[in-house]
Protein backbone atom coordinates (compact mmCIF):
# COMPACT_ATOMS: atom_id res chain seq x y z
CA UNK A 1 -0.19 -0.14 0.03
CA UNK A 2 1.59 3.11 -0.83
CA UNK A 3 1.99 5.82 2.37
CA UNK A 4 -0.35 8.44 0.63
CA UNK A 5 -2.79 6.05 0.94
CA UNK A 6 -2.03 4.89 4.16
CA UNK A 7 -2.36 8.13 5.55
CA UNK A 8 -5.57 8.91 3.90
CA UNK A 9 -6.85 5.65 5.45
CA UNK A 10 -5.89 6.66 8.69
CA UNK A 11 -7.05 10.17 8.22
CA UNK A 12 -10.62 8.74 7.44
CA UNK A 13 -10.36 6.20 10.26
CA UNK A 14 -9.45 8.53 12.85
CA UNK A 15 -12.85 11.26 11.49
CA UNK A 16 -14.74 7.75 11.72
CA UNK A 17 -13.73 7.27 15.42
CA UNK A 18 -14.16 10.86 16.55
CA UNK A 19 -18.04 11.21 15.19
CA UNK A 20 -19.39 10.19 18.43
CA UNK A 21 -17.09 12.06 20.38
CA UNK A 22 -17.85 15.14 18.20
CA UNK A 23 -21.80 14.87 18.31
CA UNK A 24 -21.98 15.37 21.96
CA UNK A 25 -19.22 17.50 22.09
CA UNK A 26 -21.63 19.88 19.80
CA UNK A 27 -25.00 18.77 21.67
CA UNK A 28 -23.50 20.03 24.92
CA UNK A 29 -22.23 23.42 23.58
CA UNK A 30 -25.64 23.92 21.45
CA UNK A 31 -27.90 22.47 24.12
CA UNK A 32 -29.35 19.61 22.09
CA UNK A 33 -28.57 16.63 24.18
CA UNK A 34 -31.95 15.63 24.73
CA UNK A 35 -34.20 15.74 28.23
CA UNK A 36 -31.56 13.67 30.05
CA UNK A 37 -28.02 14.61 28.68
CA UNK A 38 -26.75 12.46 31.20
CA UNK A 39 -28.16 9.73 29.73
CA UNK A 40 -27.50 10.59 26.56
CA UNK A 41 -23.71 10.80 27.46
CA UNK A 42 -23.53 7.43 28.74
CA UNK A 43 -25.36 5.61 26.24
CA UNK A 44 -24.16 7.29 23.32
CA UNK A 45 -20.20 6.62 24.61
CA UNK A 46 -20.90 3.04 26.14
CA UNK A 47 -22.26 1.96 22.49
CA UNK A 48 -19.36 4.02 20.18
CA UNK A 49 -17.06 1.52 22.97
CA UNK A 50 -19.10 -1.40 22.00
CA UNK A 51 -19.10 -1.07 18.40
CA UNK A 52 -15.23 0.28 17.90
CA UNK A 53 -14.77 -3.17 20.42
CA UNK A 54 -16.50 -5.41 17.80
CA UNK A 55 -15.50 -3.78 14.25
CA UNK A 56 -12.01 -4.02 15.59
CA UNK A 57 -12.84 -7.88 16.35
CA UNK A 58 -14.04 -8.36 12.83
CA UNK A 59 -10.72 -7.31 11.33
CA UNK A 60 -9.08 -10.63 11.22
CA UNK A 61 -11.79 -12.86 10.17
CA UNK A 62 -12.74 -10.36 7.41
CA UNK A 63 -8.47 -9.96 6.54
CA UNK A 64 -8.59 -14.32 6.56
CA UNK A 65 -11.85 -14.68 4.33
CA UNK A 66 -10.42 -11.55 1.95
CA UNK A 67 -6.14 -12.09 1.99
CA UNK A 68 -6.46 -8.40 0.01
CA UNK A 69 -7.73 -7.08 2.94
CA UNK A 70 -5.07 -7.73 5.24
CA UNK A 71 -3.89 -4.12 5.02
CA UNK A 72 -6.91 -3.91 7.89
CA UNK A 73 -5.08 -5.00 10.45
CA UNK A 74 -3.25 -1.46 10.56
CA UNK A 75 -5.91 -0.16 11.87
CA UNK A 76 -6.99 -3.16 15.08
CA UNK A 77 -5.38 -1.48 17.40
CA UNK A 78 -6.37 2.11 16.71
CA UNK A 79 -9.75 1.03 16.92
CA UNK A 80 -8.91 -0.52 20.15
CA UNK A 81 -7.97 2.29 21.77
CA UNK A 82 -10.71 4.38 20.22
CA UNK A 83 -12.70 2.05 22.16
CA UNK A 84 -11.09 2.39 25.18
CA UNK A 85 -11.20 6.06 25.25
CA UNK A 86 -15.49 5.54 25.20
CA UNK A 87 -15.42 3.00 27.44
CA UNK A 88 -13.45 5.35 29.81
CA UNK A 89 -15.69 8.40 28.95
CA UNK A 90 -18.73 6.22 29.90
CA UNK A 91 -17.65 4.74 33.08
CA UNK A 92 -16.40 8.66 33.80
CA UNK A 93 -19.88 9.69 32.86
CA UNK A 94 -21.60 7.44 35.70
CA UNK A 95 -18.62 8.47 38.04
CA UNK A 96 -19.49 12.32 38.13
CA UNK A 97 -22.67 12.71 36.50
CA UNK A 98 -24.73 9.71 38.54
CA UNK A 99 -22.29 9.31 42.03
CA UNK A 100 -20.94 12.23 41.76
CA UNK A 101 -17.71 11.13 42.54
CA UNK A 102 -18.80 9.73 46.34
CA UNK A 103 -17.13 6.56 46.55
CA UNK A 104 -19.96 4.71 49.01
CA UNK A 105 -22.33 5.19 46.07
CA UNK A 106 -20.04 3.82 43.71
CA UNK A 107 -19.60 1.11 45.94
CA UNK A 108 -23.10 0.59 46.82
CA UNK A 109 -24.08 0.52 43.35
CA UNK A 110 -21.41 -1.93 41.75
CA UNK A 111 -22.38 -4.13 44.99
CA UNK A 112 -26.19 -4.36 44.08
CA UNK A 113 -26.57 -3.03 40.20
CA UNK A 114 -25.63 -5.99 38.38
CA UNK A 115 -25.26 -4.15 35.41
CA UNK A 116 -23.15 -1.82 37.21
CA UNK A 117 -20.88 -4.67 38.51
CA UNK A 118 -20.33 -6.16 34.75
CA UNK A 119 -19.62 -3.14 33.08
CA UNK A 120 -17.13 -2.50 35.74
CA UNK A 121 -15.75 -5.69 35.23
CA UNK A 122 -15.59 -5.23 31.26
CA UNK A 123 -13.90 -1.72 31.62
CA UNK A 124 -10.90 -2.86 33.98
CA UNK A 125 -10.42 -6.07 31.56
CA UNK A 126 -9.72 -3.32 29.04
CA UNK A 127 -7.02 -1.67 31.06
CA UNK A 128 -4.28 -3.58 30.95
CA UNK A 129 -5.30 -4.45 26.95
CA UNK A 130 -4.75 -0.60 26.26
CA UNK A 131 -1.29 -0.61 28.50
CA UNK A 132 0.28 -2.95 26.30
CA UNK A 133 -1.14 -2.02 23.00
CA UNK A 134 2.50 -0.30 22.26
CA UNK A 135 4.64 -2.10 20.03
CA UNK A 136 7.45 -1.74 22.96
CA UNK A 137 5.23 -3.94 24.99
CA UNK A 138 4.19 -6.92 22.55
CA UNK A 139 8.69 -6.96 22.58
CA UNK A 140 8.20 -6.97 26.24
CA UNK A 141 5.55 -9.64 26.48
CA UNK A 142 6.49 -11.76 23.34
CA UNK A 143 4.44 -12.37 21.09
CA UNK A 144 2.55 -15.58 21.76
CA UNK A 145 2.07 -13.83 25.35
CA UNK A 146 1.13 -10.87 23.99
CA UNK A 147 -1.93 -12.24 22.36
CA UNK A 148 -2.76 -14.66 24.94
CA UNK A 149 -2.71 -11.46 27.11
CA UNK A 150 -5.32 -9.60 23.94
CA UNK A 151 -8.26 -12.42 24.23
CA UNK A 152 -9.26 -10.67 27.12
CA UNK A 153 -11.01 -8.74 24.89
CA UNK A 154 -13.70 -10.85 24.16
CA UNK A 155 -14.24 -11.87 27.74
CA UNK A 156 -14.91 -7.66 27.89
CA UNK A 157 -16.80 -7.62 25.08
CA UNK A 158 -19.43 -10.46 26.56
CA UNK A 159 -19.10 -8.63 29.62
CA UNK A 160 -20.48 -4.82 27.83
CA UNK A 161 -23.24 -6.84 25.96
CA UNK A 162 -24.82 -7.75 29.62
CA UNK A 163 -24.20 -4.66 30.68
CA UNK A 164 -25.86 -3.38 27.71
CA UNK A 165 -28.99 -6.53 28.03
CA UNK A 166 -29.26 -5.70 32.13
CA UNK A 167 -29.67 -2.26 31.37
CA UNK A 168 -32.44 -1.28 29.13
CA UNK A 169 -35.90 -2.15 30.08
CA UNK A 170 -37.15 -5.84 30.02
CA UNK A 171 -38.60 -6.17 26.57
CA UNK A 172 -36.37 -3.84 24.53
CA UNK A 173 -34.06 -5.53 21.77
CA UNK A 174 -31.76 -2.43 21.22
CA UNK A 175 -29.11 -4.87 22.03
CA UNK A 176 -29.72 -7.34 19.97
CA UNK A 177 -27.73 -6.65 16.40
CA UNK A 178 -24.58 -5.62 18.00
CA UNK A 179 -25.17 -9.10 20.25
CA UNK A 180 -25.92 -11.09 16.65
CA UNK A 181 -23.14 -9.73 15.30
CA UNK A 182 -20.71 -10.52 18.12
CA UNK A 183 -21.62 -14.41 17.65
CA UNK A 184 -21.03 -14.68 14.10
CA UNK A 185 -17.61 -13.56 15.00
CA UNK A 186 -17.17 -15.60 17.55
CA UNK A 187 -18.46 -18.22 15.68
CA UNK A 188 -16.40 -17.82 12.64
CA UNK A 189 -13.00 -18.41 14.53
CA UNK A 190 -13.67 -22.09 14.58
CA UNK A 191 -14.98 -22.11 10.99
CA UNK A 192 -12.08 -20.64 9.36
CA UNK A 193 -9.56 -22.51 11.71
CA UNK A 194 -11.18 -25.49 10.10
CA UNK A 195 -10.70 -23.97 7.06
CA UNK A 196 -7.20 -23.30 7.69
CA UNK A 197 -6.90 -26.65 8.63
CA UNK A 198 -8.46 -27.94 5.78
CA UNK A 199 -6.62 -26.32 3.32
CA UNK A 200 -3.21 -27.16 4.73
CA UNK A 201 -3.97 -30.50 4.72
CA UNK A 202 -4.55 -30.33 0.78
CA UNK A 203 -1.65 -28.83 0.25
CA UNK A 204 0.40 -32.19 1.71
C-alpha cells in the first residue's frame, strides 16, 4: 500500500472514530443532548465503545476471508484504543454525573446493581490491553503471551453486551443487532480454523 493511501485511510479512520465525541461535544455546546443529557452521554459513549470493539474484532476474520484486505490489520490497534477511550468516557460519565464522585455510592452500586458490576469488570479488562498496546510491550511480553493477554477483549465484549442487556428495560431489543454480530464473530473463529486446517491438508 502506498504511503499516501495509508495516510488518507488513517485520517478517515480517525475522523470516523471521532464522530461520536464530536456529536456529544456539539450537543453539549448547543444544548441539544435531549431531555436527559446525562443519559445521552452515557448511552452514546457506551454504544461507541461496543461498536468499535466489535469492528476491531471483525478485522481478523475479514482478512482471513479476503486476503486482499490484510491491510485492515493496521487499524485494529487504533480502533481498540478508541474503544477504550469511549469506554472510559462512559465510566467517567457514571462516576461524575450519576454518582457525583461519591465512593460510597459507587461501591453500593457495584455491589447491588448487576449491570454496573459487569460494566466495571468489562472496563477493567480493557485497561491492561490498552496499556500493552504498544510495540514496546509486544516485545517485552513476547508475541505469544501478548496474544494470550489480548484475548481478554472477547470476555470484555461479552461483559459489555451483558451490561447493555441488563441496563435496558425488559422487552427492549436494542442490543440484539450488535449481539448477533458478535455471535457471528465467535462462530467464525472455529469455522475459519477448520478451513485453514483443511487447506493445509490439501496442500500436504
